[in-house]
Amino acid sequence: ELLLAAGEPVKAYDLIARFGGDGQPAKPPTVYRALEFLERK
């Protein structure tokens, strides 16, 4: 959703920072695992 909504390339650390709806960042492994899956698919 974050990648789609951006409509442009996004750095992983920006995704980590934007991940939580309450302003809380995600743990980096969570985002990197999701990115790896999305790439593979």
Full PDB file with SEQRES, HELIX, SHEET, SSBOND, CRYST1, ORIGX, SCALE, CONECT and MASTER records, all heavy atoms in Angstrom:
SEQRES   1 A   41  GLU LEU LEU LEU ALA ALA GLY GLU PRO VAL LYS ALA TYR          
SEQRES   2 A   41  ASP LEU ILE ALA ARG PHE GLY GLY ASP GLY GLN PRO ALA          
SEQRES   3 A   41  LYS PRO PRO THR VAL TYR ARG ALA LEU GLU PHE LEU GLU          
SEQRES   4 A   41  ARG LYS                                                      
HELIX    1 AA1 LEU A    2  ALA A    6  1                                   5    
HELIX    2 AA2 ALA A   12  ARG A   18  1                                   7    
HELIX    3 AA3 PRO A   28  ARG A   40  1                                  13    
CRYST1    1.000    1.000    1.000  90.00  90.00  90.00 P 1           1          
ORIGX1      1.000000  0.000000  0.000000        0.00000                         
ORIGX2      0.000000  1.000000  0.000000        0.00000                         
ORIGX3      0.000000  0.000000  1.000000        0.00000                         
SCALE1      1.000000  0.000000  0.000000        0.00000                         
SCALE2      0.000000  1.000000  0.000000        0.00000                         
SCALE3      0.000000  0.000000  1.000000        0.00000                         
ATOM      1  N   GLU A   1       0.829  -1.204   0.000  1.00  0.00           N  
ATOM      2  CA  GLU A   1       0.000   0.000   0.000  1.00  0.00           C  
ATOM      3  C   GLU A   1       0.868   1.260   0.000  1.00  0.00           C  
ATOM      4  O   GLU A   1       0.601   2.213  -0.751  1.00  0.00           O  
ATOM      5  CB  GLU A   1      -0.913  -0.004   1.224  1.00  0.00           C  
ATOM      6  CG  GLU A   1      -1.750   1.250   1.365  1.00  0.00           C  
ATOM      7  CD  GLU A   1      -2.548   1.268   2.658  1.00  0.00           C  
ATOM      8  OE1 GLU A   1      -2.161   0.594   3.644  1.00  0.00           O  
ATOM      9  OE2 GLU A   1      -3.570   1.967   2.678  1.00  0.00           O  
ATOM     10  N   LEU A   2       1.909   1.279   0.823  1.00  0.00           N  
ATOM     11  CA  LEU A   2       2.798   2.445   0.878  1.00  0.00           C  
ATOM     12  C   LEU A   2       3.510   2.666  -0.455  1.00  0.00           C  
ATOM     13  O   LEU A   2       3.656   3.808  -0.913  1.00  0.00           O  
ATOM     14  CB  LEU A   2       3.817   2.276   2.002  1.00  0.00           C  
ATOM     15  CG  LEU A   2       3.262   2.352   3.425  1.00  0.00           C  
ATOM     16  CD1 LEU A   2       4.327   1.935   4.432  1.00  0.00           C  
ATOM     17  CD2 LEU A   2       2.741   3.746   3.723  1.00  0.00           C  
ATOM     18  N   LEU A   3       3.949   1.573  -1.098  1.00  0.00           N  
ATOM     19  CA  LEU A   3       4.606   1.703  -2.402  1.00  0.00           C  
ATOM     20  C   LEU A   3       3.636   2.229  -3.457  1.00  0.00           C  
ATOM     21  O   LEU A   3       3.977   3.125  -4.236  1.00  0.00           O  
ATOM     22  CB  LEU A   3       5.163   0.350  -2.861  1.00  0.00           C  
ATOM     23  CG  LEU A   3       6.398  -0.161  -2.148  1.00  0.00           C  
ATOM     24  CD1 LEU A   3       6.729  -1.571  -2.616  1.00  0.00           C  
ATOM     25  CD2 LEU A   3       7.581   0.766  -2.360  1.00  0.00           C  
ATOM     26  N   LEU A   4       2.434   1.675  -3.479  1.00  0.00           N  
ATOM     27  CA  LEU A   4       1.435   2.113  -4.448  1.00  0.00           C  
ATOM     28  C   LEU A   4       1.067   3.580  -4.237  1.00  0.00           C  
ATOM     29  O   LEU A   4       1.001   4.361  -5.191  1.00  0.00           O  
ATOM     30  CB  LEU A   4       0.173   1.257  -4.347  1.00  0.00           C  
ATOM     31  CG  LEU A   4       0.259  -0.165  -4.860  1.00  0.00           C  
ATOM     32  CD1 LEU A   4      -0.942  -0.969  -4.374  1.00  0.00           C  
ATOM     33  CD2 LEU A   4       0.342  -0.183  -6.381  1.00  0.00           C  
ATOM     34  N   ALA A   5       0.811   3.948  -2.994  1.00  0.00           N  
ATOM     35  CA  ALA A   5       0.373   5.309  -2.688  1.00  0.00           C  
ATOM     36  C   ALA A   5       1.449   6.340  -2.996  1.00  0.00           C  
ATOM     37  O   ALA A   5       1.133   7.474  -3.372  1.00  0.00           O  
ATOM     38  CB  ALA A   5      -0.049   5.409  -1.225  1.00  0.00           C  
ATOM     39  N   ALA A   6       2.712   5.950  -2.869  1.00  0.00           N  
ATOM     40  CA  ALA A   6       3.802   6.893  -3.146  1.00  0.00           C  
ATOM     41  C   ALA A   6       3.843   7.263  -4.622  1.00  0.00           C  
ATOM     42  O   ALA A   6       4.107   8.415  -4.979  1.00  0.00           O  
ATOM     43  CB  ALA A   6       5.141   6.298  -2.709  1.00  0.00           C  
ATOM     44  N   GLY A   7       3.601   6.291  -5.481  1.00  0.00           N  
ATOM     45  CA  GLY A   7       3.644   6.565  -6.915  1.00  0.00           C  
ATOM     46  C   GLY A   7       5.025   6.897  -7.432  1.00  0.00           C  
ATOM     47  O   GLY A   7       5.180   7.399  -8.541  1.00  0.00           O  
ATOM     48  N   GLU A   8       6.045   6.633  -6.635  1.00  0.00           N  
ATOM     49  CA  GLU A   8       7.434   6.894  -7.001  1.00  0.00           C  
ATOM     50  C   GLU A   8       8.322   5.981  -6.175  1.00  0.00           C  
ATOM     51  O   GLU A   8       7.847   5.382  -5.199  1.00  0.00           O  
ATOM     52  CB  GLU A   8       7.795   8.358  -6.739  1.00  0.00           C  
ATOM     53  CG  GLU A   8       7.725   8.756  -5.273  1.00  0.00           C  
ATOM     54  CD  GLU A   8       8.002  10.226  -5.036  1.00  0.00           C  
ATOM     55  OE1 GLU A   8       8.160  10.973  -6.016  1.00  0.00           O  
ATOM     56  OE2 GLU A   8       8.063  10.622  -3.869  1.00  0.00           O  
ATOM     57  N   PRO A   9       9.586   5.861  -6.512  1.00  0.00           N  
ATOM     58  CA  PRO A   9      10.473   5.009  -5.723  1.00  0.00           C  
ATOM     59  C   PRO A   9      10.572   5.512  -4.277  1.00  0.00           C  
ATOM     60  O   PRO A   9      10.580   6.716  -4.021  1.00  0.00           O  
ATOM     61  CB  PRO A   9      11.821   5.140  -6.433  1.00  0.00           C  
ATOM     62  CG  PRO A   9      11.474   5.532  -7.828  1.00  0.00           C  
ATOM     63  CD  PRO A   9      10.258   6.401  -7.696  1.00  0.00           C  
ATOM     64  N   VAL A  10      10.619   4.551  -3.352  1.00  0.00           N  
ATOM     65  CA  VAL A  10      10.682   4.873  -1.932  1.00  0.00           C  
ATOM     66  C   VAL A  10      11.820   4.072  -1.307  1.00  0.00           C  
ATOM     67  O   VAL A  10      11.957   2.874  -1.557  1.00  0.00           O  
ATOM     68  CB  VAL A  10       9.354   4.506  -1.230  1.00  0.00           C  
ATOM     69  CG1 VAL A  10       9.394   4.900   0.243  1.00  0.00           C  
ATOM     70  CG2 VAL A  10       8.169   5.144  -1.918  1.00  0.00           C  
ATOM     71  N   LYS A  11      12.612   4.720  -0.489  1.00  0.00           N  
ATOM     72  CA  LYS A  11      13.690   4.029   0.208  1.00  0.00           C  
ATOM     73  C   LYS A  11      13.104   3.190   1.345  1.00  0.00           C  
ATOM     74  O   LYS A  11      12.086   3.540   1.935  1.00  0.00           O  
ATOM     75  CB  LYS A  11      14.697   5.039   0.738  1.00  0.00           C  
ATOM     76  CG  LYS A  11      15.347   5.816  -0.409  1.00  0.00           C  
ATOM     77  CD  LYS A  11      16.627   6.461   0.011  1.00  0.00           C  
ATOM     78  CE  LYS A  11      17.259   7.203  -1.145  1.00  0.00           C  
ATOM     79  NZ  LYS A  11      17.920   6.391  -2.104  1.00  0.00           N  
ATOM     80  N   ALA A  12      13.759   2.083   1.649  1.00  0.00           N  
ATOM     81  CA  ALA A  12      13.262   1.165   2.673  1.00  0.00           C  
ATOM     82  C   ALA A  12      13.090   1.865   4.016  1.00  0.00           C  
ATOM     83  O   ALA A  12      12.101   1.633   4.723  1.00  0.00           O  
ATOM     84  CB  ALA A  12      14.202  -0.030   2.813  1.00  0.00           C  
ATOM     85  N   TYR A  13      14.013   2.734   4.376  1.00  0.00           N  
ATOM     86  CA  TYR A  13      13.897   3.397   5.673  1.00  0.00           C  
ATOM     87  C   TYR A  13      12.727   4.374   5.713  1.00  0.00           C  
ATOM     88  O   TYR A  13      12.155   4.603   6.785  1.00  0.00           O  
ATOM     89  CB  TYR A  13      15.224   4.043   6.084  1.00  0.00           C  
ATOM     90  CG  TYR A  13      16.125   2.999   6.692  1.00  0.00           C  
ATOM     91  CD1 TYR A  13      17.082   2.339   5.935  1.00  0.00           C  
ATOM     92  CD2 TYR A  13      15.967   2.617   8.027  1.00  0.00           C  
ATOM     93  CE1 TYR A  13      17.870   1.348   6.484  1.00  0.00           C  
ATOM     94  CE2 TYR A  13      16.751   1.623   8.584  1.00  0.00           C  
ATOM     95  CZ  TYR A  13      17.704   0.994   7.816  1.00  0.00           C  
ATOM     96  OH  TYR A  13      18.477   0.003   8.359  1.00  0.00           O  
ATOM     97  N   ASP A  14      12.335   4.913   4.572  1.00  0.00           N  
ATOM     98  CA  ASP A  14      11.130   5.742   4.541  1.00  0.00           C  
ATOM     99  C   ASP A  14       9.893   4.872   4.738  1.00  0.00           C  
ATOM    100  O   ASP A  14       8.933   5.279   5.398  1.00  0.00           O  
ATOM    101  CB  ASP A  14      11.034   6.513   3.224  1.00  0.00           C  
ATOM    102  CG  ASP A  14      12.109   7.593   3.115  1.00  0.00           C  
ATOM    103  OD1 ASP A  14      12.519   8.127   4.166  1.00  0.00           O  
ATOM    104  OD2 ASP A  14      12.533   7.878   1.982  1.00  0.00           O  
ATOM    105  N   LEU A  15       9.908   3.668   4.167  1.00  0.00           N  
ATOM    106  CA  LEU A  15       8.801   2.731   4.380  1.00  0.00           C  
ATOM    107  C   LEU A  15       8.716   2.329   5.854  1.00  0.00           C  
ATOM    108  O   LEU A  15       7.625   2.255   6.427  1.00  0.00           O  
ATOM    109  CB  LEU A  15       8.969   1.480   3.508  1.00  0.00           C  
ATOM    110  CG  LEU A  15       8.841   1.689   2.008  1.00  0.00           C  
ATOM    111  CD1 LEU A  15       9.285   0.434   1.268  1.00  0.00           C  
ATOM    112  CD2 LEU A  15       7.424   2.066   1.638  1.00  0.00           C  
ATOM    113  N   ILE A  16       9.863   2.098   6.464  1.00  0.00           N  
ATOM    114  CA  ILE A  16       9.906   1.730   7.883  1.00  0.00           C  
ATOM    115  C   ILE A  16       9.288   2.854   8.716  1.00  0.00           C  
ATOM    116  O   ILE A  16       8.475   2.612   9.603  1.00  0.00           O  
ATOM    117  CB  ILE A  16      11.357   1.430   8.320  1.00  0.00           C  
ATOM    118  CG1 ILE A  16      11.835   0.130   7.656  1.00  0.00           C  
ATOM    119  CG2 ILE A  16      11.480   1.358   9.841  1.00  0.00           C  
ATOM    120  CD1 ILE A  16      13.334  -0.105   7.731  1.00  0.00           C  
ATOM    121  N   ALA A  17       9.644   4.093   8.402  1.00  0.00           N  
ATOM    122  CA  ALA A  17       9.139   5.242   9.156  1.00  0.00           C  
ATOM    123  C   ALA A  17       7.640   5.454   8.970  1.00  0.00           C  
ATOM    124  O   ALA A  17       6.941   5.860   9.897  1.00  0.00           O  
ATOM    125  CB  ALA A  17       9.897   6.501   8.746  1.00  0.00           C  
ATOM    126  N   ARG A  18       7.122   5.167   7.776  1.00  0.00           N  
ATOM    127  CA  ARG A  18       5.703   5.398   7.470  1.00  0.00           C  
ATOM    128  C   ARG A  18       4.802   4.216   7.815  1.00  0.00           C  
ATOM    129  O   ARG A  18       3.587   4.328   7.744  1.00  0.00           O  
ATOM    130  CB  ARG A  18       5.537   5.673   5.965  1.00  0.00           C  
ATOM    131  CG  ARG A  18       6.206   6.920   5.490  1.00  0.00           C  
ATOM    132  CD  ARG A  18       6.041   7.040   3.986  1.00  0.00           C  
ATOM    133  NE  ARG A  18       6.946   8.032   3.439  1.00  0.00           N  
ATOM    134  CZ  ARG A  18       7.264   8.124   2.163  1.00  0.00           C  
ATOM    135  NH1 ARG A  18       6.749   7.281   1.285  1.00  0.00           N  
ATOM    136  NH2 ARG A  18       8.096   9.049   1.752  1.00  0.00           N  
ATOM    137  N   PHE A  19       5.399   3.103   8.167  1.00  0.00           N  
ATOM    138  CA  PHE A  19       4.662   1.845   8.308  1.00  0.00           C  
ATOM    139  C   PHE A  19       3.516   1.916   9.309  1.00  0.00           C  
ATOM    140  O   PHE A  19       2.399   1.528   9.013  1.00  0.00           O  
ATOM    141  CB  PHE A  19       5.636   0.726   8.698  1.00  0.00           C  
ATOM    142  CG  PHE A  19       5.025  -0.636   8.701  1.00  0.00           C  
ATOM    143  CD1 PHE A  19       4.992  -1.394   7.548  1.00  0.00           C  
ATOM    144  CD2 PHE A  19       4.486  -1.178   9.864  1.00  0.00           C  
ATOM    145  CE1 PHE A  19       4.441  -2.664   7.537  1.00  0.00           C  
ATOM    146  CE2 PHE A  19       3.933  -2.448   9.873  1.00  0.00           C  
ATOM    147  CZ  PHE A  19       3.914  -3.181   8.706  1.00  0.00           C  
ATOM    148  N   GLY A  20       3.768   2.380  10.496  1.00  0.00           N  
ATOM    149  CA  GLY A  20       2.751   2.397  11.546  1.00  0.00           C  
ATOM    150  C   GLY A  20       1.750   3.520  11.344  1.00  0.00           C  
ATOM    151  O   GLY A  20       2.120   4.656  11.103  1.00  0.00           O  
ATOM    152  N   GLY A  21       0.475   3.199  11.450  1.00  0.00           N  
ATOM    153  CA  GLY A  21      -0.562   4.207  11.300  1.00  0.00           C  
ATOM    154  C   GLY A  21      -0.566   5.201  12.442  1.00  0.00           C  
ATOM    155  O   GLY A  21      -1.035   6.316  12.309  1.00  0.00           O  
ATOM    156  N   ASP A  22       0.004   4.819  13.584  1.00  0.00           N  
ATOM    157  CA  ASP A  22       0.029   5.704  14.745  1.00  0.00           C  
ATOM    158  C   ASP A  22       1.357   6.431  14.881  1.00  0.00           C  
ATOM    159  O   ASP A  22       1.684   6.945  15.941  1.00  0.00           O  
ATOM    160  CB  ASP A  22      -0.269   4.903  16.013  1.00  0.00           C  
ATOM    161  CG  ASP A  22       0.708   3.750  16.213  1.00  0.00           C  
ATOM    162  OD1 ASP A  22       1.611   3.570  15.374  1.00  0.00           O  
ATOM    163  OD2 ASP A  22       0.561   3.024  17.214  1.00  0.00           O  
ATOM    164  N   GLY A  23       2.124   6.458  13.801  1.00  0.00           N  
ATOM    165  CA  GLY A  23       3.409   7.144  13.822  1.00  0.00           C  
ATOM    166  C   GLY A  23       4.563   6.291  14.309  1.00  0.00           C  
ATOM    167  O   GLY A  23       5.696   6.739  14.314  1.00  0.00           O  
ATOM    168  N   GLN A  24       4.275   5.067  14.718  1.00  0.00           N  
ATOM    169  CA  GLN A  24       5.326   4.169  15.187  1.00  0.00           C  
ATOM    170  C   GLN A  24       5.979   3.486  13.988  1.00  0.00           C  
ATOM    171  O   GLN A  24       5.282   2.912  13.160  1.00  0.00           O  
ATOM    172  CB  GLN A  24       4.744   3.112  16.128  1.00  0.00           C  
ATOM    173  CG  GLN A  24       4.275   3.667  17.452  1.00  0.00           C  
ATOM    174  CD  GLN A  24       5.428   4.230  18.257  1.00  0.00           C  
ATOM    175  OE1 GLN A  24       6.499   3.641  18.332  1.00  0.00           O  
ATOM    176  NE2 GLN A  24       5.217   5.404  18.831  1.00  0.00           N  
ATOM    177  N   PRO A  25       7.291   3.542  13.892  1.00  0.00           N  
ATOM    178  CA  PRO A  25       7.954   2.858  12.776  1.00  0.00           C  
ATOM    179  C   PRO A  25       7.891   1.342  12.958  1.00  0.00           C  
ATOM    180  O   PRO A  25       7.713   0.840  14.061  1.00  0.00           O  
ATOM    181  CB  PRO A  25       9.397   3.356  12.860  1.00  0.00           C  
ATOM    182  CG  PRO A  25       9.582   3.772  14.272  1.00  0.00           C  
ATOM    183  CD  PRO A  25       8.230   4.231  14.772  1.00  0.00           C  
ATOM    184  N   ALA A  26       8.050   0.657  11.846  1.00  0.00           N  
ATOM    185  CA  ALA A  26       8.103  -0.807  11.877  1.00  0.00           C  
ATOM    186  C   ALA A  26       9.513  -1.242  12.219  1.00  0.00           C  
ATOM    187  O   ALA A  26      10.467  -0.470  12.116  1.00  0.00           O  
ATOM    188  CB  ALA A  26       7.720  -1.365  10.509  1.00  0.00           C  
ATOM    189  N   LYS A  27       9.654  -2.492  12.580  1.00  0.00           N  
ATOM    190  CA  LYS A  27      10.992  -3.048  12.757  1.00  0.00           C  
ATOM    191  C   LYS A  27      11.533  -3.315  11.356  1.00  0.00           C  
ATOM    192  O   LYS A  27      10.825  -3.845  10.497  1.00  0.00           O  
ATOM    193  CB  LYS A  27      10.927  -4.319  13.588  1.00  0.00           C  
ATOM    194  CG  LYS A  27      10.512  -4.023  15.009  1.00  0.00           C  
ATOM    195  CD  LYS A  27      10.556  -5.242  15.856  1.00  0.00           C  
ATOM    196  CE  LYS A  27      10.260  -4.783  17.285  1.00  0.00           C  
ATOM    197  NZ  LYS A  27       9.777  -5.810  18.128  1.00  0.00           N  
ATOM    198  N   PRO A  28      12.786  -2.960  11.090  1.00  0.00           N  
ATOM    199  CA  PRO A  28      13.340  -3.136   9.740  1.00  0.00           C  
ATOM    200  C   PRO A  28      13.138  -4.517   9.142  1.00  0.00           C  
ATOM    201  O   PRO A  28      12.768  -4.618   7.970  1.00  0.00           O  
ATOM    202  CB  PRO A  28      14.824  -2.785   9.918  1.00  0.00           C  
ATOM    203  CG  PRO A  28      14.811  -1.780  11.024  1.00  0.00           C  
ATOM    204  CD  PRO A  28      13.734  -2.265  11.977  1.00  0.00           C  
ATOM    205  N   PRO A  29      13.348  -5.629   9.896  1.00  0.00           N  
ATOM    206  CA  PRO A  29      13.154  -6.941   9.266  1.00  0.00           C  
ATOM    207  C   PRO A  29      11.739  -7.148   8.722  1.00  0.00           C  
ATOM    208  O   PRO A  29      11.553  -7.823   7.714  1.00  0.00           O  
ATOM    209  CB  PRO A  29      13.470  -7.939  10.383  1.00  0.00           C  
ATOM    210  CG  PRO A  29      14.356  -7.194  11.318  1.00  0.00           C  
ATOM    211  CD  PRO A  29      13.882  -5.773  11.270  1.00  0.00           C  
ATOM    212  N   THR A  30      10.751  -6.563   9.373  1.00  0.00           N  
ATOM    213  CA  THR A  30       9.369  -6.693   8.917  1.00  0.00           C  
ATOM    214  C   THR A  30       9.215  -6.120   7.519  1.00  0.00           C  
ATOM    215  O   THR A  30       8.644  -6.757   6.623  1.00  0.00           O  
ATOM    216  CB  THR A  30       8.412  -5.965   9.889  1.00  0.00           C  
ATOM    217  OG1 THR A  30       8.553  -6.541  11.182  1.00  0.00           O  
ATOM    218  CG2 THR A  30       6.972  -6.061   9.424  1.00  0.00           C  
ATOM    219  N   VAL A  31       9.737  -4.931   7.314  1.00  0.00           N  
ATOM    220  CA  VAL A  31       9.615  -4.266   6.019  1.00  0.00           C  
ATOM    221  C   VAL A  31      10.483  -4.956   4.973  1.00  0.00           C  
ATOM    222  O   VAL A  31      10.030  -5.184   3.849  1.00  0.00           O  
ATOM    223  CB  VAL A  31       9.954  -2.763   6.142  1.00  0.00           C  
ATOM    224  CG1 VAL A  31      10.032  -2.101   4.775  1.00  0.00           C  
ATOM    225  CG2 VAL A  31       8.914  -2.069   7.017  1.00  0.00           C  
ATOM    226  N   TYR A  32      11.712  -5.307   5.323  1.00  0.00           N  
ATOM    227  CA  TYR A  32      12.584  -5.961   4.350  1.00  0.00           C  
ATOM    228  C   TYR A  32      12.039  -7.322   3.915  1.00  0.00           C  
ATOM    229  O   TYR A  32      12.139  -7.693   2.749  1.00  0.00           O  
ATOM    230  CB  TYR A  32      14.015  -6.088   4.888  1.00  0.00           C  
ATOM    231  CG  TYR A  32      14.785  -4.802   4.761  1.00  0.00           C  
ATOM    232  CD1 TYR A  32      15.081  -4.026   5.872  1.00  0.00           C  
ATOM    233  CD2 TYR A  32      15.201  -4.344   3.512  1.00  0.00           C  
ATOM    234  CE1 TYR A  32      15.786  -2.842   5.752  1.00  0.00           C  
ATOM    235  CE2 TYR A  32      15.906  -3.160   3.377  1.00  0.00           C  
ATOM    236  CZ  TYR A  32      16.190  -2.413   4.505  1.00  0.00           C  
ATOM    237  OH  TYR A  32      16.878  -1.231   4.371  1.00  0.00           O  
ATOM    238  N   ARG A  33      11.448  -8.079   4.835  1.00  0.00           N  
ATOM    239  CA  ARG A  33      10.841  -9.367   4.456  1.00  0.00           C  
ATOM    240  C   ARG A  33       9.661  -9.148   3.520  1.00  0.00           C  
ATOM    241  O   ARG A  33       9.473  -9.886   2.544  1.00  0.00           O  
ATOM    242  CB  ARG A  33      10.411 -10.148   5.695  1.00  0.00           C  
ATOM    243  CG  ARG A  33      11.541 -10.890   6.361  1.00  0.00           C  
ATOM    244  CD  ARG A  33      11.032 -11.894   7.383  1.00  0.00           C  
ATOM    245  NE  ARG A  33      10.441 -11.265   8.539  1.00  0.00           N  
ATOM    246  CZ  ARG A  33      11.072 -10.997   9.675  1.00  0.00           C  
ATOM    247  NH1 ARG A  33      12.331 -11.330   9.812  1.00  0.00           N  
ATOM    248  NH2 ARG A  33      10.443 -10.414  10.679  1.00  0.00           N  
ATOM    249  N   ALA A  34       8.861  -8.136   3.804  1.00  0.00           N  
ATOM    250  CA  ALA A  34       7.713  -7.821   2.937  1.00  0.00           C  
ATOM    251  C   ALA A  34       8.201  -7.391   1.554  1.00  0.00           C  
ATOM    252  O   ALA A  34       7.646  -7.823   0.534  1.00  0.00           O  
ATOM    253  CB  ALA A  34       6.848  -6.734   3.566  1.00  0.00           C  
ATOM    254  N   LEU A  35       9.235  -6.581   1.497  1.00  0.00           N  
ATOM    255  CA  LEU A  35       9.775  -6.137   0.205  1.00  0.00           C  
ATOM    256  C   LEU A  35      10.311  -7.320  -0.592  1.00  0.00           C  
ATOM    257  O   LEU A  35      10.080  -7.420  -1.807  1.00  0.00           O  
ATOM    258  CB  LEU A  35      10.873  -5.091   0.408  1.00  0.00           C  
ATOM    259  CG  LEU A  35      10.405  -3.720   0.840  1.00  0.00           C  
ATOM    260  CD1 LEU A  35      11.588  -2.862   1.295  1.00  0.00           C  
ATOM    261  CD2 LEU A  35       9.653  -3.023  -0.298  1.00  0.00           C  
ATOM    262  N   GLU A  36      11.020  -8.229   0.075  1.00  0.00           N  
ATOM    263  CA  GLU A  36      11.560  -9.403  -0.607  1.00  0.00           C  
ATOM    264  C   GLU A  36      10.422 -10.234  -1.197  1.00  0.00           C  
ATOM    265  O   GLU A  36      10.495 -10.689  -2.334  1.00  0.00           O  
ATOM    266  CB  GLU A  36      12.400 -10.228   0.377  1.00  0.00           C  
ATOM    267  CG  GLU A  36      13.105 -11.422  -0.255  1.00  0.00           C  
ATOM    268  CD  GLU A  36      12.224 -12.665  -0.350  1.00  0.00           C  
ATOM    269  OE1 GLU A  36      11.384 -12.880   0.544  1.00  0.00           O  
ATOM    270  OE2 GLU A  36      12.364 -13.419  -1.330  1.00  0.00           O  
ATOM    271  N   PHE A  37       9.361 -10.416  -0.440  1.00  0.00           N  
ATOM    272  CA  PHE A  37       8.208 -11.171  -0.916  1.00  0.00           C  
ATOM    273  C   PHE A  37       7.565 -10.468  -2.110  1.00  0.00           C  
ATOM    274  O   PHE A  37       7.263 -11.102  -3.133  1.00  0.00           O  
ATOM    275  CB  PHE A  37       7.181 -11.338   0.216  1.00  0.00           C  
ATOM    276  CG  PHE A  37       5.909 -11.993  -0.233  1.00  0.00           C  
ATOM    277  CD1 PHE A  37       5.813 -13.374  -0.327  1.00  0.00           C  
ATOM    278  CD2 PHE A  37       4.799 -11.231  -0.587  1.00  0.00           C  
ATOM    279  CE1 PHE A  37       4.638 -13.980  -0.746  1.00  0.00           C  
ATOM    280  CE2 PHE A  37       3.623 -11.824  -1.014  1.00  0.00           C  
ATOM    281  CZ  PHE A  37       3.543 -13.204  -1.095  1.00  0.00           C  
ATOM    282  N   LEU A  38       7.333  -9.175  -1.996  1.00  0.00           N  
ATOM    283  CA  LEU A  38       6.696  -8.422  -3.084  1.00  0.00           C  
ATOM    284  C   LEU A  38       7.545  -8.455  -4.352  1.00  0.00           C  
ATOM    285  O   LEU A  38       7.015  -8.576  -5.455  1.00  0.00           O  
ATOM    286  CB  LEU A  38       6.431  -6.979  -2.646  1.00  0.00           C  
ATOM    287  CG  LEU A  38       5.418  -6.815  -1.515  1.00  0.00           C  
ATOM    288  CD1 LEU A  38       5.405  -5.372  -1.017  1.00  0.00           C  
ATOM    289  CD2 LEU A  38       4.030  -7.250  -1.955  1.00  0.00           C  
ATOM    290  N   GLU A  39       8.851  -8.373  -4.192  1.00  0.00           N  
ATOM    291  CA  GLU A  39       9.756  -8.492  -5.353  1.00  0.00           C  
ATOM    292  C   GLU A  39       9.651  -9.871  -5.987  1.00  0.00           C  
ATOM    293  O   GLU A  39       9.536  -9.998  -7.205  1.00  0.00           O  
ATOM    294  CB  GLU A  39      11.213  -8.286  -4.925  1.00  0.00           C  
ATOM    295  CG  GLU A  39      11.695  -6.882  -4.960  1.00  0.00           C  
ATOM    296  CD  GLU A  39      13.195  -6.859  -4.726  1.00  0.00           C  
ATOM    297  OE1 GLU A  39      13.624  -7.032  -3.575  1.00  0.00           O  
ATOM    298  OE2 GLU A  39      13.930  -6.675  -5.712  1.00  0.00           O  
ATOM    299  N   ARG A  40       9.713 -10.905  -5.151  1.00  0.00           N  
ATOM    300  CA  ARG A  40       9.659 -12.284  -5.652  1.00  0.00           C  
ATOM    301  C   ARG A  40       8.356 -12.562  -6.389  1.00  0.00           C  
ATOM    302  O   ARG A  40       8.327 -13.306  -7.364  1.00  0.00           O  
ATOM    303  CB  ARG A  40       9.836 -13.252  -4.476  1.00  0.00           C  
ATOM    304  CG  ARG A  40      10.006 -14.678  -4.857  1.00  0.00           C  
ATOM    305  CD  ARG A  40      10.453 -15.589  -3.718  1.00  0.00           C  
ATOM    306  NE  ARG A  40      10.083 -15.216  -2.382  1.00  0.00           N  
ATOM    307  CZ  ARG A  40       8.940 -15.544  -1.777  1.00  0.00           C  
ATOM    308  NH1 ARG A  40       8.059 -16.273  -2.422  1.00  0.00           N  
ATOM    309  NH2 ARG A  40       8.685 -15.162  -0.546  1.00  0.00           N  
ATOM    310  N   LYS A  41       7.284 -11.937  -5.956  1.00  0.00           N  
ATOM    311  CA  LYS A  41       5.972 -12.151  -6.564  1.00  0.00           C  
ATOM    312  C   LYS A  41       5.683 -11.166  -7.701  1.00  0.00           C  
ATOM    313  O   LYS A  41       4.587 -11.151  -8.262  1.00  0.00           O  
ATOM    314  CB  LYS A  41       4.873 -12.066  -5.500  1.00  0.00           C  
ATOM    315  CG  LYS A  41       4.898 -13.241  -4.558  1.00  0.00           C  
ATOM    316  CD  LYS A  41       4.730 -14.500  -5.373  1.00  0.00           C  
ATOM    317  CE  LYS A  41       4.692 -15.768  -4.645  1.00  0.00           C  
ATOM    318  NZ  LYS A  41       4.490 -16.886  -5.542  1.00  0.00           N  
TER     319      LYS A  41                                                      
MASTER        0    0    0    3    0    0    0    6  318    1    0    4          
END                                                                             
